[in-house]
C-alpha atoms as a PDB file:
ATOM      1  CA  UNK A   1      -6.854 -49.431 -22.072  1.00  0.00           C
ATOM      2  CA  UNK A   2      -7.885 -52.219 -24.446  1.00  0.00           C
ATOM      3  CA  UNK A   3      -8.488 -51.643 -28.313  1.00  0.00           C
ATOM      4  CA  UNK A   4     -11.100 -53.327 -30.212  1.00  0.00           C
ATOM      5  CA  UNK A   5     -11.266 -53.662 -34.142  1.00  0.00           C
ATOM      6  CA  UNK A   6     -14.770 -52.876 -34.190  1.00  0.00           C
ATOM      7  CA  UNK A   7     -15.004 -50.523 -31.052  1.00  0.00           C
ATOM      8  CA  UNK A   8     -12.440 -47.695 -32.061  1.00  0.00           C
ATOM      9  CA  UNK A   9     -10.579 -46.104 -29.117  1.00  0.00           C
ATOM     10  CA  UNK A  10      -8.356 -42.693 -29.596  1.00  0.00           C
ATOM     11  CA  UNK A  11      -6.797 -41.018 -27.086  1.00  0.00           C
ATOM     12  CA  UNK A  12      -3.899 -38.583 -26.731  1.00  0.00           C
ATOM     13  CA  UNK A  13      -1.691 -36.903 -24.037  1.00  0.00           C
ATOM     14  CA  UNK A  14      -1.571 -32.831 -24.312  1.00  0.00           C
ATOM     15  CA  UNK A  15       1.509 -31.705 -25.152  1.00  0.00           C
ATOM     16  CA  UNK A  16       2.437 -29.683 -22.009  1.00  0.00           C
ATOM     17  CA  UNK A  17       3.568 -26.313 -21.629  1.00  0.00           C
ATOM     18  CA  UNK A  18       3.127 -23.178 -19.035  1.00  0.00           C
ATOM     19  CA  UNK A  19      -0.355 -23.847 -18.179  1.00  0.00           C
ATOM     20  CA  UNK A  20      -0.931 -23.611 -14.237  1.00  0.00           C
ATOM     21  CA  UNK A  21      -4.459 -22.001 -13.597  1.00  0.00           C
ATOM     22  CA  UNK A  22      -5.939 -24.739 -15.980  1.00  0.00           C
ATOM     23  CA  UNK A  23      -4.550 -27.135 -18.144  1.00  0.00           C
ATOM     24  CA  UNK A  24      -5.215 -30.595 -19.892  1.00  0.00           C
ATOM     25  CA  UNK A  25      -3.256 -34.047 -19.745  1.00  0.00           C
ATOM     26  CA  UNK A  26      -5.504 -36.525 -21.683  1.00  0.00           C
ATOM     27  CA  UNK A  27      -8.185 -36.778 -24.065  1.00  0.00           C
ATOM     28  CA  UNK A  28      -9.584 -39.091 -26.189  1.00  0.00           C
ATOM     29  CA  UNK A  29     -13.050 -40.896 -27.479  1.00  0.00           C
ATOM     30  CA  UNK A  30     -14.245 -44.405 -27.275  1.00  0.00           C
ATOM     31  CA  UNK A  31     -16.902 -46.148 -29.226  1.00  0.00           C
ATOM     32  CA  UNK A  32     -17.120 -49.447 -26.015  1.00  0.00           C
ATOM     33  CA  UNK A  33     -18.117 -52.735 -26.649  1.00  0.00           C
ATOM     34  CA  UNK A  34     -21.226 -53.932 -24.690  1.00  0.00           C
ATOM     35  CA  UNK A  35     -20.723 -54.525 -21.062  1.00  0.00           C
ATOM     36  CA  UNK A  36     -17.229 -52.969 -21.162  1.00  0.00           C
ATOM     37  CA  UNK A  37     -16.024 -51.927 -18.014  1.00  0.00           C
ATOM     38  CA  UNK A  38     -13.332 -49.493 -16.783  1.00  0.00           C
ATOM     39  CA  UNK A  39     -12.354 -49.726 -13.396  1.00  0.00           C
ATOM     40  CA  UNK A  40     -12.320 -50.122 -10.435  1.00  0.00           C
ATOM     41  CA  UNK A  41     -10.036 -47.312 -10.352  1.00  0.00           C
ATOM     42  CA  UNK A  42      -8.983 -44.190  -8.668  1.00  0.00           C
ATOM     43  CA  UNK A  43      -7.800 -41.268 -10.254  1.00  0.00           C
ATOM     44  CA  UNK A  44      -4.777 -39.916  -9.341  1.00  0.00           C
ATOM     45  CA  UNK A  45      -4.593 -36.001  -8.760  1.00  0.00           C
ATOM     46  CA  UNK A  46      -6.804 -34.449 -11.814  1.00  0.00           C
ATOM     47  CA  UNK A  47     -10.249 -34.412 -13.131  1.00  0.00           C
ATOM     48  CA  UNK A  48     -11.644 -36.360 -15.499  1.00  0.00           C
ATOM     49  CA  UNK A  49     -14.892 -35.694 -17.578  1.00  0.00           C
ATOM     50  CA  UNK A  50     -16.573 -37.985 -19.676  1.00  0.00           C
ATOM     51  CA  UNK A  51     -19.749 -37.001 -22.281  1.00  0.00           C
ATOM     52  CA  UNK A  52     -21.999 -39.993 -23.626  1.00  0.00           C
ATOM     53  CA  UNK A  53     -22.454 -38.994 -27.366  1.00  0.00           C
ATOM     54  CA  UNK A  54     -24.329 -42.057 -28.091  1.00  0.00           C
ATOM     55  CA  UNK A  55     -25.617 -45.487 -26.282  1.00  0.00           C
ATOM     56  CA  UNK A  56     -25.954 -46.036 -22.401  1.00  0.00           C
ATOM     57  CA  UNK A  57     -24.130 -47.196 -19.522  1.00  0.00           C
ATOM     58  CA  UNK A  58     -23.682 -46.769 -15.404  1.00  0.00           C
ATOM     59  CA  UNK A  59     -21.337 -45.127 -13.309  1.00  0.00           C
ATOM     60  CA  UNK A  60     -20.553 -46.602  -9.889  1.00  0.00           C
ATOM     61  CA  UNK A  61     -18.877 -43.862  -7.825  1.00  0.00           C
ATOM     62  CA  UNK A  62     -17.797 -43.641  -4.244  1.00  0.00           C
ATOM     63  CA  UNK A  63     -18.786 -40.551  -2.241  1.00  0.00           C
ATOM     64  CA  UNK A  64     -16.908 -39.187   0.810  1.00  0.00           C
ATOM     65  CA  UNK A  65     -18.658 -41.206   2.904  1.00  0.00           C
ATOM     66  CA  UNK A  66     -17.530 -44.653   1.543  1.00  0.00           C
ATOM     67  CA  UNK A  67     -21.074 -45.695  -0.075  1.00  0.00           C
ATOM     68  CA  UNK A  68     -21.130 -46.751  -4.061  1.00  0.00           C
ATOM     69  CA  UNK A  69     -24.029 -44.983  -5.902  1.00  0.00           C
ATOM     70  CA  UNK A  70     -25.203 -46.171  -9.166  1.00  0.00           C
ATOM     71  CA  UNK A  71     -25.812 -43.617 -11.929  1.00  0.00           C
ATOM     72  CA  UNK A  72     -27.613 -44.756 -15.377  1.00  0.00           C
ATOM     73  CA  UNK A  73     -26.323 -42.467 -18.232  1.00  0.00           C
ATOM     74  CA  UNK A  74     -27.614 -41.739 -21.648  1.00  0.00           C
ATOM     75  CA  UNK A  75     -26.875 -39.363 -24.645  1.00  0.00           C
ATOM     76  CA  UNK A  76     -26.173 -36.052 -23.678  1.00  0.00           C
ATOM     77  CA  UNK A  77     -25.186 -36.627 -20.097  1.00  0.00           C
ATOM     78  CA  UNK A  78     -22.071 -36.741 -18.528  1.00  0.00           C
ATOM     79  CA  UNK A  79     -20.096 -37.411 -15.214  1.00  0.00           C
ATOM     80  CA  UNK A  80     -17.364 -36.207 -13.464  1.00  0.00           C
ATOM     81  CA  UNK A  81     -14.610 -38.059 -11.439  1.00  0.00           C
ATOM     82  CA  UNK A  82     -12.634 -36.217  -9.083  1.00  0.00           C
ATOM     83  CA  UNK A  83      -8.911 -36.617  -7.989  1.00  0.00           C
ATOM     84  CA  UNK A  84      -8.772 -39.795  -5.788  1.00  0.00           C
ATOM     85  CA  UNK A  85     -11.872 -40.793  -6.201  1.00  0.00           C
ATOM     86  CA  UNK A  86     -12.903 -44.904  -6.605  1.00  0.00           C
ATOM     87  CA  UNK A  87     -15.575 -45.829  -9.277  1.00  0.00           C
ATOM     88  CA  UNK A  88     -16.194 -47.788 -12.394  1.00  0.00           C
ATOM     89  CA  UNK A  89     -18.318 -47.060 -15.136  1.00  0.00           C
ATOM     90  CA  UNK A  90     -19.573 -49.965 -17.824  1.00  0.00           C
ATOM     91  CA  UNK A  91     -21.552 -50.023 -21.169  1.00  0.00           C
ATOM     92  CA  UNK A  92     -24.823 -51.589 -21.668  1.00  0.00           C
ATOM     93  CA  UNK A  93     -25.156 -54.971 -22.573  1.00  0.00           C
ATOM     94  CA  UNK A  94     -27.457 -53.604 -25.840  1.00  0.00           C
ATOM     95  CA  UNK A  95     -27.070 -50.398 -26.455  1.00  0.00           C
ATOM     96  CA  UNK A  96     -23.190 -49.864 -25.325  1.00  0.00           C
ATOM     97  CA  UNK A  97     -22.218 -46.337 -25.045  1.00  0.00           C
ATOM     98  CA  UNK A  98     -19.738 -44.134 -26.866  1.00  0.00           C
ATOM     99  CA  UNK A  99     -17.849 -41.232 -24.933  1.00  0.00           C
ATOM    100  CA  UNK A 100     -15.591 -38.491 -25.199  1.00  0.00           C
ATOM    101  CA  UNK A 101     -13.336 -37.813 -22.023  1.00  0.00           C
ATOM    102  CA  UNK A 102     -11.284 -34.935 -21.145  1.00  0.00           C
ATOM    103  CA  UNK A 103      -8.943 -35.396 -18.103  1.00  0.00           C
ATOM    104  CA  UNK A 104      -7.657 -31.495 -16.885  1.00  0.00           C
ATOM    105  CA  UNK A 105      -6.582 -29.894 -13.709  1.00  0.00           C
ATOM    106  CA  UNK A 106      -4.985 -26.833 -12.239  1.00  0.00           C
ATOM    107  CA  UNK A 107      -4.782 -24.249  -9.746  1.00  0.00           C
ATOM    108  CA  UNK A 108      -8.557 -23.188 -10.575  1.00  0.00           C
ATOM    109  CA  UNK A 109      -9.881 -26.115 -11.600  1.00  0.00           C
ATOM    110  CA  UNK A 110     -11.685 -27.063  -8.210  1.00  0.00           C
ATOM    111  CA  UNK A 111     -13.120 -23.244  -8.584  1.00  0.00           C
ATOM    112  CA  UNK A 112     -14.543 -24.082 -12.230  1.00  0.00           C
ATOM    113  CA  UNK A 113     -16.135 -27.299 -11.352  1.00  0.00           C
ATOM    114  CA  UNK A 114     -17.929 -26.059  -8.323  1.00  0.00           C
ATOM    115  CA  UNK A 115     -19.444 -23.757 -10.851  1.00  0.00           C
ATOM    116  CA  UNK A 116     -20.814 -26.502 -12.772  1.00  0.00           C
ATOM    117  CA  UNK A 117     -22.269 -27.291  -9.302  1.00  0.00           C
ATOM    118  CA  UNK A 118     -21.257 -30.967 -10.159  1.00  0.00           C
ATOM    119  CA  UNK A 119     -20.094 -32.206  -6.707  1.00  0.00           C
ATOM    120  CA  UNK A 120     -18.147 -35.194  -5.271  1.00  0.00           C
ATOM    121  CA  UNK A 121     -21.283 -37.175  -4.013  1.00  0.00           C
ATOM    122  CA  UNK A 122     -23.159 -35.821  -7.239  1.00  0.00           C
ATOM    123  CA  UNK A 123     -20.986 -36.153 -10.046  1.00  0.00           C
ATOM    124  CA  UNK A 124     -23.779 -36.547 -12.705  1.00  0.00           C
ATOM    125  CA  UNK A 125     -23.945 -33.667 -15.890  1.00  0.00           C
ATOM    126  CA  UNK A 126     -27.554 -32.985 -16.838  1.00  0.00           C
ATOM    127  CA  UNK A 127     -28.044 -30.163 -19.116  1.00  0.00           C
ATOM    128  CA  UNK A 128     -30.529 -27.521 -18.930  1.00  0.00           C
ATOM    129  CA  UNK A 129     -29.542 -25.568 -21.516  1.00  0.00           C
ATOM    130  CA  UNK A 130     -29.446 -27.036 -25.282  1.00  0.00           C
ATOM    131  CA  UNK A 131     -27.559 -24.342 -26.698  1.00  0.00           C
ATOM    132  CA  UNK A 132     -24.464 -24.083 -24.352  1.00  0.00           C
ATOM    133  CA  UNK A 133     -24.365 -28.103 -24.033  1.00  0.00           C
ATOM    134  CA  UNK A 134     -23.906 -28.258 -27.904  1.00  0.00           C
ATOM    135  CA  UNK A 135     -21.331 -25.734 -27.396  1.00  0.00           C
ATOM    136  CA  UNK A 136     -19.626 -27.574 -24.877  1.00  0.00           C
ATOM    137  CA  UNK A 137     -19.936 -30.859 -27.249  1.00  0.00           C
ATOM    138  CA  UNK A 138     -18.628 -29.143 -30.132  1.00  0.00           C
ATOM    139  CA  UNK A 139     -15.675 -27.769 -28.254  1.00  0.00           C
ATOM    140  CA  UNK A 140     -14.833 -30.932 -26.743  1.00  0.00           C
ATOM    141  CA  UNK A 141     -14.770 -32.935 -29.737  1.00  0.00           C
ATOM    142  CA  UNK A 142     -13.167 -30.337 -31.350  1.00  0.00           C
ATOM    143  CA  UNK A 143     -10.114 -30.916 -29.122  1.00  0.00           C
ATOM    144  CA  UNK A 144     -10.378 -34.574 -29.523  1.00  0.00           C
ATOM    145  CA  UNK A 145     -10.059 -34.800 -32.930  1.00  0.00           C
ATOM    146  CA  UNK A 146      -7.541 -32.015 -33.465  1.00  0.00           C
ATOM    147  CA  UNK A 147      -4.725 -32.928 -31.075  1.00  0.00           C
ATOM    148  CA  UNK A 148      -1.969 -32.047 -33.632  1.00  0.00           C
ATOM    149  CA  UNK A 149      -2.682 -28.138 -33.000  1.00  0.00           C
ATOM    150  CA  UNK A 150      -0.806 -26.172 -31.179  1.00  0.00           C
ATOM    151  CA  UNK A 151      -1.139 -26.497 -27.271  1.00  0.00           C
ATOM    152  CA  UNK A 152      -2.271 -22.686 -27.319  1.00  0.00           C
ATOM    153  CA  UNK A 153      -5.357 -23.249 -29.477  1.00  0.00           C
ATOM    154  CA  UNK A 154      -6.178 -26.453 -28.175  1.00  0.00           C
ATOM    155  CA  UNK A 155      -6.202 -24.555 -24.351  1.00  0.00           C
ATOM    156  CA  UNK A 156      -8.672 -21.676 -25.924  1.00  0.00           C
ATOM    157  CA  UNK A 157     -10.987 -24.372 -26.937  1.00  0.00           C
ATOM    158  CA  UNK A 158     -10.848 -26.165 -23.829  1.00  0.00           C
ATOM    159  CA  UNK A 159     -11.749 -22.761 -22.072  1.00  0.00           C
ATOM    160  CA  UNK A 160     -14.743 -22.614 -24.506  1.00  0.00           C
ATOM    161  CA  UNK A 161     -15.766 -26.480 -23.625  1.00  0.00           C
ATOM    162  CA  UNK A 162     -15.490 -25.499 -19.799  1.00  0.00           C
ATOM    163  CA  UNK A 163     -17.627 -22.076 -20.230  1.00  0.00           C
ATOM    164  CA  UNK A 164     -20.543 -24.148 -21.945  1.00  0.00           C
ATOM    165  CA  UNK A 165     -20.080 -26.863 -19.221  1.00  0.00           C
ATOM    166  CA  UNK A 166     -20.909 -24.437 -16.549  1.00  0.00           C
ATOM    167  CA  UNK A 167     -23.687 -22.802 -18.441  1.00  0.00           C
ATOM    168  CA  UNK A 168     -25.628 -25.935 -19.596  1.00  0.00           C
ATOM    169  CA  UNK A 169     -25.398 -27.659 -16.044  1.00  0.00           C
ATOM    170  CA  UNK A 170     -28.757 -28.655 -14.441  1.00  0.00           C
ATOM    171  CA  UNK A 171     -26.773 -27.746 -10.891  1.00  0.00           C
ATOM    172  CA  UNK A 172     -25.271 -24.620 -12.265  1.00  0.00           C
ATOM    173  CA  UNK A 173     -27.597 -22.709 -10.399  1.00  0.00           C
ATOM    174  CA  UNK A 174     -28.215 -24.547  -7.127  1.00  0.00           C
ATOM    175  CA  UNK A 175     -24.369 -24.556  -5.874  1.00  0.00           C
ATOM    176  CA  UNK A 176     -24.617 -24.295  -2.037  1.00  0.00           C
ATOM    177  CA  UNK A 177     -24.593 -21.300  -0.165  1.00  0.00           C
ATOM    178  CA  UNK A 178     -20.985 -22.671   1.563  1.00  0.00           C
ATOM    179  CA  UNK A 179     -19.139 -22.747  -2.277  1.00  0.00           C
ATOM    180  CA  UNK A 180     -20.627 -19.042  -2.807  1.00  0.00           C
ATOM    181  CA  UNK A 181     -19.295 -18.093   0.526  1.00  0.00           C
ATOM    182  CA  UNK A 182     -15.971 -19.616   0.188  1.00  0.00           C
ATOM    183  CA  UNK A 183     -15.928 -17.579  -3.553  1.00  0.00           C
ATOM    184  CA  UNK A 184     -16.938 -14.090  -2.028  1.00  0.00           C
ATOM    185  CA  UNK A 185     -14.198 -15.115   0.650  1.00  0.00           C
ATOM    186  CA  UNK A 186     -11.361 -15.784  -1.415  1.00  0.00           C
ATOM    187  CA  UNK A 187     -12.561 -12.467  -3.629  1.00  0.00           C
ATOM    188  CA  UNK A 188     -12.119 -10.382  -0.561  1.00  0.00           C
ATOM    189  CA  UNK A 189      -8.932 -11.971   0.426  1.00  0.00           C
ATOM    190  CA  UNK A 190      -7.142 -11.458  -2.820  1.00  0.00           C
ATOM    191  CA  UNK A 191      -8.548  -7.728  -3.295  1.00  0.00           C
ATOM    192  CA  UNK A 192      -6.808  -6.943   0.299  1.00  0.00           C
ATOM    193  CA  UNK A 193      -3.921  -8.914  -0.910  1.00  0.00           C
ATOM    194  CA  UNK A 194      -3.646  -6.492  -4.014  1.00  0.00           C
ATOM    195  CA  UNK A 195      -4.841  -3.207  -2.237  1.00  0.00           C
ATOM    196  CA  UNK A 196      -3.503  -3.485   1.373  1.00  0.00           C
ATOM    197  CA  UNK A 197      -1.368  -0.635   0.278  1.00  0.00           C
ATOM    198  CA  UNK A 198      -3.731   1.708  -0.331  1.00  0.00           C
ATOM    199  CA  UNK A 199      -6.200   3.833   2.081  1.00  0.00           C
ATOM    200  CA  UNK A 200      -8.283   0.726   2.007  1.00  0.00           C
ATOM    201  CA  UNK A 201     -11.996   0.549   3.558  1.00  0.00           C
ATOM    202  CA  UNK A 202     -13.750  -2.485   4.602  1.00  0.00           C
ATOM    203  CA  UNK A 203     -16.942  -1.226   2.161  1.00  0.00           C
ATOM    204  CA  UNK A 204     -14.971  -1.156  -0.491  1.00  0.00           C
ATOM    205  CA  UNK A 205     -13.650  -4.657   0.125  1.00  0.00           C
ATOM    206  CA  UNK A 206     -17.698  -5.294  -0.181  1.00  0.00           C
ATOM    207  CA  UNK A 207     -18.331  -3.584  -2.934  1.00  0.00           C
ATOM    208  CA  UNK A 208     -15.553  -4.925  -4.491  1.00  0.00           C
ATOM    209  CA  UNK A 209     -17.484  -8.561  -4.067  1.00  0.00           C
ATOM    210  CA  UNK A 210     -20.761  -7.303  -4.402  1.00  0.00           C
ATOM    211  CA  UNK A 211     -21.887  -8.274  -0.858  1.00  0.00           C
ATOM    212  CA  UNK A 212     -23.123  -6.060   2.250  1.00  0.00           C
ATOM    213  CA  UNK A 213     -20.712  -5.319   4.657  1.00  0.00           C
ATOM    214  CA  UNK A 214     -22.556  -7.053   7.344  1.00  0.00           C
ATOM    215  CA  UNK A 215     -22.350 -10.433   5.232  1.00  0.00           C
ATOM    216  CA  UNK A 216     -18.740  -9.967   4.772  1.00  0.00           C
ATOM    217  CA  UNK A 217     -17.828  -9.925   7.923  1.00  0.00           C
ATOM    218  CA  UNK A 218     -20.198 -12.639   8.693  1.00  0.00           C
ATOM    219  CA  UNK A 219     -18.290 -15.186   6.035  1.00  0.00           C
ATOM    220  CA  UNK A 220     -14.939 -13.687   7.433  1.00  0.00           C
ATOM    221  CA  UNK A 221     -15.749 -14.674  11.477  1.00  0.00           C
ATOM    222  CA  UNK A 222     -17.035 -17.890  10.617  1.00  0.00           C
ATOM    223  CA  UNK A 223     -13.969 -18.944   8.261  1.00  0.00           C
ATOM    224  CA  UNK A 224     -11.401 -17.162   9.485  1.00  0.00           C
ATOM    225  CA  UNK A 225     -12.353 -15.847  13.279  1.00  0.00           C
ATOM    226  CA  UNK A 226     -11.570 -12.529  12.343  1.00  0.00           C
ATOM    227  CA  UNK A 227     -13.297  -9.700  11.121  1.00  0.00           C
ATOM    228  CA  UNK A 228     -12.809  -8.344   7.432  1.00  0.00           C
ATOM    229  CA  UNK A 229     -10.835  -5.262   9.568  1.00  0.00           C
ATOM    230  CA  UNK A 230      -8.966  -7.577  11.669  1.00  0.00           C
ATOM    231  CA  UNK A 231      -7.560  -9.694   8.768  1.00  0.00           C
ATOM    232  CA  UNK A 232      -6.679  -6.446   6.959  1.00  0.00           C
ATOM    233  CA  UNK A 233      -4.659  -4.811  10.024  1.00  0.00           C
ATOM    234  CA  UNK A 234      -2.822  -8.290  10.399  1.00  0.00           C
ATOM    235  CA  UNK A 235      -1.874  -8.422   6.898  1.00  0.00           C
ATOM    236  CA  UNK A 236      -0.527  -4.995   6.676  1.00  0.00           C
ATOM    237  CA  UNK A 237       1.405  -6.093   9.674  1.00  0.00           C
ATOM    238  CA  UNK A 238       2.533  -8.786   8.168  1.00  0.00           C
ATOM    239  CA  UNK A 239       3.702  -7.266   5.790  1.00  0.00           C
ATOM    240  CA  UNK A 240       5.523  -4.407   7.707  1.00  0.00           C
ATOM    241  CA  UNK A 241       7.333  -7.011   9.524  1.00  0.00           C
ATOM    242  CA  UNK A 242       8.946  -8.571   6.319  1.00  0.00           C
ATOM    243  CA  UNK A 243       9.592  -5.119   5.447  1.00  0.00           C
ATOM    244  CA  UNK A 244      11.527  -4.452   8.459  1.00  0.00           C
ATOM    245  CA  UNK A 245      13.442  -7.599   8.176  1.00  0.00           C
ATOM    246  CA  UNK A 246      14.671  -7.226   4.665  1.00  0.00           C
ATOM    247  CA  UNK A 247      14.853  -3.380   4.070  1.00  0.00           C
ATOM    248  CA  UNK A 248      16.550  -0.325   5.535  1.00  0.00           C
ATOM    249  CA  UNK A 249      13.185   1.713   5.211  1.00  0.00           C
ATOM    250  CA  UNK A 250      12.573   4.142   7.976  1.00  0.00           C
ATOM    251  CA  UNK A 251       9.397   3.626  10.094  1.00  0.00           C
ATOM    252  CA  UNK A 252       7.294   6.336   8.259  1.00  0.00           C
ATOM    253  CA  UNK A 253       8.254   5.016   5.032  1.00  0.00           C
ATOM    254  CA  UNK A 254       7.008   1.238   5.824  1.00  0.00           C
ATOM    255  CA  UNK A 255       3.855   2.873   7.762  1.00  0.00           C
ATOM    256  CA  UNK A 256       3.345   4.490   4.376  1.00  0.00           C
ATOM    257  CA  UNK A 257       4.100   1.671   2.146  1.00  0.00           C
ATOM    258  CA  UNK A 258       1.604  -0.625   4.371  1.00  0.00           C
ATOM    259  CA  UNK A 259      -1.517   1.545   4.125  1.00  0.00           C
ATOM    260  CA  UNK A 260      -0.967   3.774   7.393  1.00  0.00           C
ATOM    261  CA  UNK A 261      -0.452   7.083   6.414  1.00  0.00           C
ATOM    262  CA  UNK A 262      -0.560   7.968  10.230  1.00  0.00           C
ATOM    263  CA  UNK A 263       2.908   6.516  11.655  1.00  0.00           C
ATOM    264  CA  UNK A 264       1.762   6.771  15.389  1.00  0.00           C
ATOM    265  CA  UNK A 265      -1.444   4.722  13.949  1.00  0.00           C
ATOM    266  CA  UNK A 266       0.776   2.155  12.471  1.00  0.00           C
ATOM    267  CA  UNK A 267       3.343   2.021  15.873  1.00  0.00           C
ATOM    268  CA  UNK A 268       0.431   1.388  17.926  1.00  0.00           C
ATOM    269  CA  UNK A 269      -1.225  -0.991  15.644  1.00  0.00           C
ATOM    270  CA  UNK A 270       2.112  -2.447  15.229  1.00  0.00           C
ATOM    271  CA  UNK A 271       2.780  -2.971  19.078  1.00  0.00           C
ATOM    272  CA  UNK A 272      -0.619  -4.210  20.002  1.00  0.00           C
ATOM    273  CA  UNK A 273       0.231  -7.390  17.607  1.00  0.00           C
ATOM    274  CA  UNK A 274       3.951  -7.766  17.590  1.00  0.00           C
ATOM    275  CA  UNK A 275       4.094  -6.968  21.318  1.00  0.00           C
ATOM    276  CA  UNK A 276       6.983  -4.540  20.716  1.00  0.00           C
ATOM    277  CA  UNK A 277       7.041  -1.165  19.006  1.00  0.00           C
ATOM    278  CA  UNK A 278       8.534  -1.609  15.093  1.00  0.00           C
ATOM    279  CA  UNK A 279      12.419  -0.735  15.968  1.00  0.00           C
ATOM    280  CA  UNK A 280      12.595  -3.191  19.040  1.00  0.00           C
ATOM    281  CA  UNK A 281      11.102  -5.864  17.573  1.00  0.00           C
ATOM    282  CA  UNK A 282      13.301  -5.714  14.584  1.00  0.00           C
ATOM    283  CA  UNK A 283      16.100  -5.339  17.231  1.00  0.00           C
ATOM    284  CA  UNK A 284      14.670  -8.438  18.701  1.00  0.00           C
ATOM    285  CA  UNK A 285      14.222 -10.337  15.486  1.00  0.00           C
ATOM    286  CA  UNK A 286      18.055 -10.003  14.645  1.00  0.00           C
END
């Protein structure tokens, strides 16, 4: 990106470290000349958020249907560019914008963005909460102006920025039912994976997710074609198979380790899903 004497730009590449759930890649601030355009461009594998500090501009964003939509932006607003999304953004001819940006990603990045309500086809950030908007802007600018600080400190401010973004977004309260279902489903699956070895009930899973048991049944069957109980049984039996192949534990020990205090119930469940009793299955697998 070109630098202009009268329109300063600052940018920094984040000193990468061992951050996996969320990590920052690139951030900066740019006071653009009139009619200054970025793009057409396609981001690579990361999310890119811009916050308008002053002035005006326009975002031309390509949605998942291939249609280009136009968004006019002014101070206090912003926009999110998703990985692989084609877009162009241009400063106003009379009141060119100044913005700060931050590029980030990680295993939980999409989850966090979905909590803002921002979507691939609806990337424009509009605030509903001045307090959290100011917090978000303050933390973003702190990161931009303190690039020399230790990476752990920068990440701390990034988390506060992200919290302010989520809480202030006007689309936060309009997150689709589908996204909520995905969140509940993943939370249930994670809980089962962490507790399958216990005397776990589906009611406990539903209580952990804060949903009714019948609702949990609906989202499991709709997404996986399995009930929560069927998923739990299959997960236990899969873990039992791994133990049979890799350890010398007895059937009784494996039964207890995967959440079956009753060995006979375990053997019946194993045979039903794997087509043979545990010992025969182990022998045939060798």
